[in-house]
Protein backbone atom coordinates (compact mmCIF):
# COMPACT_ATOMS: atom_id res chain seq x y z
CA MET A 1 -48.66 78.47 39.53
CA MET A 2 -47.82 75.07 41.04
CA LYS A 3 -48.17 76.49 44.56
CA SER A 4 -51.65 77.91 43.85
CA ARG A 5 -52.82 74.58 42.38
CA THR A 6 -51.60 72.77 45.48
CA LEU A 7 -53.44 75.25 47.71
CA VAL A 8 -56.63 74.82 45.69
CA ARG A 9 -56.37 71.03 45.93
CA LEU A 10 -55.78 71.20 49.68
CA GLY A 11 -58.76 73.54 50.06
CA LEU A 12 -61.02 71.23 48.05
CA ALA A 13 -59.83 68.22 50.04
CA ALA A 14 -60.58 70.03 53.30
CA ALA A 15 -64.04 71.06 52.09
CA PHE A 16 -64.78 67.50 50.99
CA ALA A 17 -63.65 66.10 54.34
CA ALA A 18 -65.78 68.64 56.21
CA ASN A 19 -68.82 67.65 54.16
CA LEU A 20 -68.28 63.97 54.95
CA THR A 21 -68.49 64.67 58.66
CA SER A 22 -71.55 66.89 58.28
CA PHE A 23 -73.43 64.13 56.46
CA ALA A 24 -72.59 61.64 59.21
CA HIS A 25 -75.00 63.35 61.61
CA ALA A 26 -77.52 66.17 61.50
CA GLY A 27 -76.01 69.57 61.94
CA ARG A 28 -76.42 73.29 61.52
CA ILE A 29 -75.24 74.79 58.26
CA ALA A 30 -74.74 78.56 58.15
CA VAL A 31 -75.51 80.37 54.90
CA PRO A 32 -73.50 83.59 54.65
CA VAL A 33 -74.83 86.50 52.59
CA GLY A 34 -73.72 86.07 48.98
CA THR A 35 -74.00 82.27 49.11
CA SER A 36 -76.87 80.57 47.29
CA PRO A 37 -79.39 79.31 49.87
CA GLN A 38 -80.69 76.85 47.24
CA GLU A 39 -77.28 75.24 46.80
CA ILE A 40 -76.93 74.79 50.57
CA VAL A 41 -80.44 73.35 50.91
CA ASP A 42 -79.68 70.94 48.04
CA LEU A 43 -76.47 69.78 49.78
CA ALA A 44 -78.01 69.46 53.24
CA ALA A 45 -78.73 66.00 54.62
CA GLU A 46 -82.11 65.07 56.06
CA GLY A 47 -82.42 66.47 59.57
CA ASP A 48 -79.93 69.32 59.00
CA VAL A 49 -80.79 72.89 59.96
CA VAL A 50 -79.92 75.49 57.32
CA VAL A 51 -79.49 78.90 58.96
CA LEU A 52 -79.59 82.08 56.87
CA GLU A 53 -77.23 84.60 58.45
CA ALA A 54 -78.41 88.19 58.96
CA GLY A 55 -78.68 90.11 55.68
CA GLU A 56 -80.38 89.76 52.30
CA HIS A 57 -80.42 86.37 50.57
CA ARG A 58 -81.65 85.71 47.03
CA GLY A 59 -84.45 83.21 46.53
CA PRO A 60 -86.54 81.49 45.62
CA ILE A 61 -85.71 78.20 47.29
CA ARG A 62 -87.30 74.77 46.99
CA VAL A 63 -87.05 72.40 49.95
CA ALA A 64 -87.43 68.81 48.74
CA ARG A 65 -86.25 66.87 51.81
CA LYS A 66 -86.66 66.93 55.58
CA VAL A 67 -84.51 69.91 56.52
CA THR A 68 -85.23 72.97 58.62
CA VAL A 69 -84.60 76.43 57.18
CA GLU A 70 -84.18 79.16 59.79
CA GLY A 71 -83.09 82.75 59.68
CA GLU A 72 -81.02 84.68 62.18
CA LYS A 73 -82.50 87.96 63.36
CA GLY A 74 -82.23 90.31 60.38
CA ALA A 75 -82.16 87.58 57.70
CA ILE A 76 -84.30 88.36 54.65
CA LEU A 77 -85.09 85.98 51.78
CA ILE A 78 -85.93 87.95 48.64
CA GLY A 79 -87.91 86.32 45.84
CA SER A 80 -87.75 86.99 42.12
CA GLY A 81 -91.03 88.94 42.05
CA LYS A 82 -93.10 86.10 40.65
CA GLY A 83 -94.17 82.75 42.07
CA SER A 84 -93.37 81.60 45.59
CA VAL A 85 -90.31 82.55 47.60
CA ILE A 86 -90.22 79.18 49.40
CA THR A 87 -91.67 75.95 48.02
CA LEU A 88 -91.97 72.88 50.27
């Protein structure tokens, strides 16, 4: 139990450190299938490029800052069936 808590803490610390460097300058942020594109867009810094990897992603998404949202070949953003899939 203690070992798993230590691993979780180390993982969270590494993720936090990685995010600090990504906010220091604009970068490309990959969104794997199964990850919320909205959460990634919300975390992205102005000037970042959010790239949806090939596969189906669940929308809708709302882009409220200066970021670029791209899709790799084969990336599909699926809406809820009502309203807009992407709102800028």
